[in-house]
N, C-alpha and C. Protein backbone atom coordinates (compact mmCIF):
# COMPACT_ATOMS: atom_id res chain seq x y z
N MET A 1 -97.17 -0.86 -8.12
CA MET A 1 -95.98 -1.10 -7.64
C MET A 1 -95.16 -2.05 -8.51
N GLU A 2 -94.11 -1.88 -9.12
CA GLU A 2 -93.31 -2.88 -9.81
C GLU A 2 -92.54 -3.76 -8.62
N THR A 3 -92.55 -5.12 -8.83
CA THR A 3 -91.98 -5.84 -7.86
C THR A 3 -90.52 -6.18 -8.56
N LEU A 4 -89.69 -6.41 -7.69
CA LEU A 4 -88.30 -6.93 -7.94
C LEU A 4 -88.37 -8.39 -7.97
N ALA A 5 -89.02 -9.00 -7.02
CA ALA A 5 -88.93 -10.46 -7.01
C ALA A 5 -90.28 -10.92 -7.87
N PHE A 6 -90.50 -12.23 -7.64
CA PHE A 6 -91.48 -13.05 -8.47
C PHE A 6 -92.87 -12.14 -7.98
N LYS A 7 -93.72 -12.04 -8.97
CA LYS A 7 -94.95 -11.36 -8.73
C LYS A 7 -96.08 -12.00 -8.15
N GLY A 8 -96.13 -13.07 -8.69
CA GLY A 8 -97.48 -14.18 -8.27
C GLY A 8 -97.30 -14.90 -6.93
N ARG A 9 -96.20 -15.53 -6.96
CA ARG A 9 -96.13 -16.55 -5.80
C ARG A 9 -94.83 -16.19 -5.00
N ARG A 10 -94.96 -16.48 -3.68
CA ARG A 10 -93.74 -16.35 -2.76
C ARG A 10 -92.64 -17.25 -3.37
N PRO A 11 -91.31 -16.64 -3.49
CA PRO A 11 -90.14 -17.55 -3.80
C PRO A 11 -89.89 -18.61 -3.00
N THR A 12 -89.32 -19.56 -3.29
CA THR A 12 -89.17 -20.81 -2.52
C THR A 12 -87.81 -20.41 -1.57
N HIS A 13 -88.06 -20.88 -0.31
CA HIS A 13 -87.10 -20.72 0.75
C HIS A 13 -85.86 -21.52 0.35
N PRO A 14 -84.52 -21.18 0.51
CA PRO A 14 -83.55 -22.10 0.15
C PRO A 14 -83.84 -23.39 1.02
N GLY A 15 -84.20 -23.20 2.21
CA GLY A 15 -84.24 -24.45 3.16
C GLY A 15 -85.25 -25.45 2.52
N ALA A 16 -86.25 -24.97 1.73
CA ALA A 16 -87.03 -26.08 1.26
C ALA A 16 -86.42 -26.79 0.27
N LEU A 17 -85.37 -26.35 -0.43
CA LEU A 17 -84.67 -26.99 -1.58
C LEU A 17 -83.74 -28.02 -0.90
N ILE A 18 -83.13 -27.38 0.27
CA ILE A 18 -82.33 -28.54 0.94
C ILE A 18 -83.14 -29.73 1.70
N ARG A 19 -84.37 -29.51 2.31
CA ARG A 19 -85.21 -30.30 2.61
C ARG A 19 -85.68 -31.42 1.74
N GLU A 20 -86.26 -30.97 0.53
CA GLU A 20 -86.99 -31.63 -0.59
C GLU A 20 -86.12 -32.20 -1.51
N ASP A 21 -84.88 -31.52 -1.94
CA ASP A 21 -84.08 -32.21 -2.86
C ASP A 21 -82.60 -32.79 -2.44
N VAL A 22 -81.90 -31.87 -1.68
CA VAL A 22 -80.66 -32.07 -1.21
C VAL A 22 -80.63 -33.36 -0.35
N LEU A 23 -81.20 -33.19 0.84
CA LEU A 23 -81.11 -34.26 1.84
C LEU A 23 -81.57 -35.64 1.03
N PRO A 24 -82.71 -35.67 0.42
CA PRO A 24 -83.06 -37.00 -0.10
C PRO A 24 -82.12 -37.48 -1.05
N GLU A 25 -81.76 -36.69 -2.03
CA GLU A 25 -80.83 -37.04 -3.03
C GLU A 25 -79.54 -37.61 -2.52
N LEU A 26 -78.98 -36.94 -1.56
CA LEU A 26 -77.82 -37.46 -0.89
C LEU A 26 -78.05 -38.41 0.22
N GLY A 27 -79.18 -38.78 0.59
CA GLY A 27 -79.40 -39.82 1.58
C GLY A 27 -78.84 -39.27 2.97
N LEU A 28 -78.93 -37.94 3.30
CA LEU A 28 -78.30 -37.47 4.34
C LEU A 28 -79.30 -37.07 5.47
N THR A 29 -78.99 -37.37 6.73
CA THR A 29 -79.94 -36.56 7.78
C THR A 29 -79.47 -35.22 8.01
N GLN A 30 -80.20 -34.41 8.89
CA GLN A 30 -79.90 -33.26 9.03
C GLN A 30 -78.76 -33.11 9.80
N ALA A 31 -78.37 -33.93 10.87
CA ALA A 31 -77.33 -34.15 11.61
C ALA A 31 -76.08 -34.39 10.82
N GLU A 32 -76.26 -35.15 9.71
CA GLU A 32 -75.00 -35.52 8.91
C GLU A 32 -74.68 -34.30 8.06
N LEU A 33 -75.70 -33.59 7.51
CA LEU A 33 -75.49 -32.46 6.82
C LEU A 33 -74.73 -31.35 7.70
N ALA A 34 -75.19 -31.14 8.89
CA ALA A 34 -74.78 -30.19 9.65
C ALA A 34 -73.20 -30.54 10.12
N GLU A 35 -72.98 -31.84 10.31
CA GLU A 35 -71.61 -32.24 10.63
C GLU A 35 -70.72 -31.83 9.25
N GLN A 36 -71.19 -32.19 8.22
CA GLN A 36 -70.32 -32.02 6.77
C GLN A 36 -70.03 -30.33 6.64
N LEU A 37 -71.13 -29.59 7.20
CA LEU A 37 -70.99 -28.20 6.81
C LEU A 37 -70.19 -27.39 8.25
N GLY A 38 -69.96 -28.24 9.16
CA GLY A 38 -69.33 -27.47 10.26
C GLY A 38 -70.25 -26.65 11.06
N VAL A 39 -71.53 -26.95 11.00
CA VAL A 39 -72.41 -26.02 11.78
C VAL A 39 -73.38 -27.10 12.85
N SER A 40 -74.23 -26.57 13.74
CA SER A 40 -74.99 -27.14 14.61
C SER A 40 -76.19 -27.66 13.82
N ARG A 41 -76.78 -28.99 14.38
CA ARG A 41 -77.92 -29.51 13.72
C ARG A 41 -79.20 -28.61 13.73
N ARG A 42 -79.09 -27.82 14.95
CA ARG A 42 -80.34 -26.79 15.19
C ARG A 42 -80.13 -25.85 14.03
N THR A 43 -79.01 -25.32 13.61
CA THR A 43 -79.00 -24.30 12.45
C THR A 43 -79.59 -25.06 11.22
N ILE A 44 -79.30 -26.15 10.85
CA ILE A 44 -79.72 -26.90 9.77
C ILE A 44 -81.32 -26.96 9.75
N SER A 45 -81.70 -27.46 11.04
CA SER A 45 -83.15 -27.59 11.19
C SER A 45 -83.91 -26.12 11.16
N GLU A 46 -83.40 -25.13 11.58
CA GLU A 46 -84.24 -23.96 11.53
C GLU A 46 -84.06 -23.41 9.98
N ILE A 47 -82.99 -23.76 9.40
CA ILE A 47 -83.15 -23.46 7.71
C ILE A 47 -84.10 -24.21 7.03
N ILE A 48 -83.95 -25.51 7.34
CA ILE A 48 -84.93 -26.41 6.57
C ILE A 48 -86.37 -26.16 6.78
N HIS A 49 -86.55 -25.92 8.13
CA HIS A 49 -88.09 -25.51 8.47
C HIS A 49 -88.27 -24.03 8.14
N GLU A 50 -87.55 -23.16 7.50
CA GLU A 50 -87.70 -22.02 6.93
C GLU A 50 -87.85 -21.04 8.13
N ARG A 51 -87.27 -21.05 9.16
CA ARG A 51 -87.38 -20.09 10.45
C ARG A 51 -86.08 -19.52 10.60
N ARG A 52 -85.19 -19.85 9.64
CA ARG A 52 -83.72 -19.03 9.55
C ARG A 52 -83.50 -18.71 8.11
N PRO A 53 -82.90 -17.66 7.88
CA PRO A 53 -82.39 -17.35 6.42
C PRO A 53 -81.10 -18.05 6.13
N VAL A 54 -80.79 -18.07 4.90
CA VAL A 54 -79.49 -18.56 4.52
C VAL A 54 -78.66 -17.27 4.32
N THR A 55 -77.61 -17.19 5.51
CA THR A 55 -76.66 -16.15 5.36
C THR A 55 -75.39 -16.36 4.36
N PRO A 56 -74.65 -15.39 4.09
CA PRO A 56 -73.59 -15.57 3.35
C PRO A 56 -72.57 -16.58 3.60
N ASP A 57 -72.31 -16.53 4.91
CA ASP A 57 -71.67 -17.68 5.47
C ASP A 57 -72.21 -19.24 5.13
N MET A 58 -73.50 -19.27 5.51
CA MET A 58 -74.10 -20.73 5.04
C MET A 58 -74.37 -20.96 3.56
N ALA A 59 -74.23 -19.78 2.74
CA ALA A 59 -74.31 -19.94 1.31
C ALA A 59 -73.07 -20.52 0.90
N LEU A 60 -71.82 -20.05 1.55
CA LEU A 60 -70.65 -20.26 1.04
C LEU A 60 -70.27 -21.85 1.55
N ARG A 61 -70.93 -22.21 2.52
CA ARG A 61 -70.87 -23.51 2.91
C ARG A 61 -71.41 -24.47 2.18
N LEU A 62 -72.76 -24.21 1.89
CA LEU A 62 -73.60 -25.11 1.17
C LEU A 62 -73.21 -25.19 -0.30
N GLY A 63 -72.56 -23.83 -0.83
CA GLY A 63 -72.25 -24.05 -2.26
C GLY A 63 -70.97 -24.65 -2.52
N LYS A 64 -70.18 -24.72 -1.39
CA LYS A 64 -68.96 -25.68 -1.58
C LYS A 64 -69.37 -26.94 -1.47
N PHE A 65 -70.20 -27.42 -0.67
CA PHE A 65 -70.69 -28.77 -0.15
C PHE A 65 -71.17 -29.17 -1.45
N CYS A 66 -72.27 -28.66 -2.12
CA CYS A 66 -73.13 -28.99 -3.12
C CYS A 66 -72.45 -28.92 -4.66
N GLY A 67 -71.43 -28.02 -4.60
CA GLY A 67 -70.71 -27.80 -5.91
C GLY A 67 -71.25 -26.76 -6.78
N ASN A 68 -72.33 -26.12 -6.35
CA ASN A 68 -72.93 -25.15 -7.11
C ASN A 68 -72.52 -23.58 -6.75
N GLY A 69 -71.60 -23.37 -5.90
CA GLY A 69 -71.31 -21.94 -5.41
C GLY A 69 -72.23 -21.28 -4.49
N PRO A 70 -72.00 -20.25 -3.81
CA PRO A 70 -72.84 -19.66 -2.91
C PRO A 70 -73.98 -18.68 -3.63
N ARG A 71 -73.73 -18.24 -4.96
CA ARG A 71 -74.80 -17.37 -5.62
C ARG A 71 -76.15 -17.98 -5.62
N LEU A 72 -76.30 -19.25 -5.88
CA LEU A 72 -77.68 -19.89 -6.11
C LEU A 72 -78.48 -19.78 -4.76
N TRP A 73 -77.58 -19.91 -3.68
CA TRP A 73 -78.20 -19.89 -2.31
C TRP A 73 -78.58 -18.26 -1.96
N LEU A 74 -77.73 -17.63 -2.11
CA LEU A 74 -77.94 -16.13 -1.99
C LEU A 74 -79.01 -15.48 -2.84
N ASN A 75 -79.01 -15.92 -3.95
CA ASN A 75 -80.25 -15.31 -4.92
C ASN A 75 -81.53 -15.75 -4.51
N MET A 76 -81.53 -17.01 -4.04
CA MET A 76 -82.87 -17.67 -3.54
C MET A 76 -83.40 -16.87 -2.26
N GLN A 77 -82.40 -16.76 -1.37
CA GLN A 77 -82.73 -15.95 0.00
C GLN A 77 -83.10 -14.36 -0.34
N GLN A 78 -82.31 -13.86 -1.46
CA GLN A 78 -82.45 -12.47 -1.68
C GLN A 78 -83.84 -12.25 -2.28
N ALA A 79 -84.42 -13.22 -3.10
CA ALA A 79 -85.59 -13.15 -3.81
C ALA A 79 -86.87 -13.29 -2.77
N LEU A 80 -86.47 -14.00 -1.88
CA LEU A 80 -87.64 -14.38 -0.84
C LEU A 80 -87.62 -13.04 0.04
N ASP A 81 -86.47 -12.57 0.52
CA ASP A 81 -86.51 -11.38 1.38
C ASP A 81 -87.18 -10.27 0.64
N LEU A 82 -86.79 -10.10 -0.51
CA LEU A 82 -87.60 -8.73 -1.44
C LEU A 82 -89.17 -8.85 -1.29
N TRP A 83 -89.42 -10.24 -1.71
CA TRP A 83 -90.84 -10.47 -1.95
C TRP A 83 -91.63 -10.31 -0.58
N GLU A 84 -90.93 -10.79 0.57
CA GLU A 84 -91.78 -10.56 1.80
C GLU A 84 -91.88 -9.24 2.30
N LEU A 85 -90.70 -8.40 2.09
CA LEU A 85 -90.70 -7.10 2.39
C LEU A 85 -91.90 -6.35 1.43
N GLU A 86 -91.62 -6.59 0.17
CA GLU A 86 -92.70 -6.01 -0.85
C GLU A 86 -93.99 -6.21 -0.49
N HIS A 87 -94.47 -7.31 0.19
CA HIS A 87 -95.79 -7.57 0.70
C HIS A 87 -96.18 -7.01 2.05
N LEU A 88 -95.12 -7.07 2.85
CA LEU A 88 -95.33 -6.59 4.17
C LEU A 88 -95.48 -5.04 4.21
N LYS A 89 -94.73 -4.48 3.37
CA LYS A 89 -94.77 -2.82 3.52
C LYS A 89 -95.13 -2.42 1.96
N ALA A 90 -96.07 -2.88 1.49
CA ALA A 90 -96.62 -2.39 0.04
C ALA A 90 -97.10 -1.15 0.11
N LYS A 91 -97.92 -0.79 1.29
CA LYS A 91 -98.55 0.53 1.20
C LYS A 91 -97.35 1.64 1.51
N GLU A 92 -96.42 1.33 2.51
CA GLU A 92 -95.26 2.23 2.65
C GLU A 92 -94.65 2.55 1.33
N TYR A 93 -94.00 1.45 0.68
CA TYR A 93 -93.40 1.62 -0.46
C TYR A 93 -94.23 2.24 -1.69
N GLY A 94 -95.37 2.01 -1.70
CA GLY A 94 -96.36 2.59 -2.60
C GLY A 94 -96.29 4.30 -2.65
N LYS A 95 -96.05 4.90 -1.49
CA LYS A 95 -95.96 6.31 -1.26
C LYS A 95 -94.74 6.78 -1.96
N ILE A 96 -93.76 6.03 -2.18
CA ILE A 96 -92.42 6.55 -2.58
C ILE A 96 -92.60 6.94 -4.06
N ARG A 97 -92.40 7.88 -4.60
CA ARG A 97 -92.30 8.32 -6.14
C ARG A 97 -91.12 8.44 -6.58
N LYS A 98 -90.97 8.12 -7.89
CA LYS A 98 -89.59 8.05 -8.49
C LYS A 98 -89.22 9.55 -8.89
N CYS A 99 -88.01 9.57 -8.66
CA CYS A 99 -87.56 11.33 -8.77
C CYS A 99 -87.58 11.70 -10.36
N ALA A 100 -87.71 12.96 -10.59
CA ALA A 100 -87.74 13.21 -11.91
C ALA A 100 -87.48 12.41 -12.91
């Protein structure tokens, strides 16, 4: 089965980028980032601990705050979502044949 996401390894969750790069680079705490984005600290915590996906709303907030736009965040989340589904349902998807 041809995979749409990365073949070898699980794509990086966008929360890992926030946890490992954004917060340290800006010297912010989770609470400070949450305040800047207008969301709860719990929301940020769940994202950086990879228990919650980055939604389009959050992608817009992060993109505006970081100055890199929402697409980076949405693309990272989409790559992860596709990879996880492809691995979770590989047998099911393998039964689907390409039309003529």
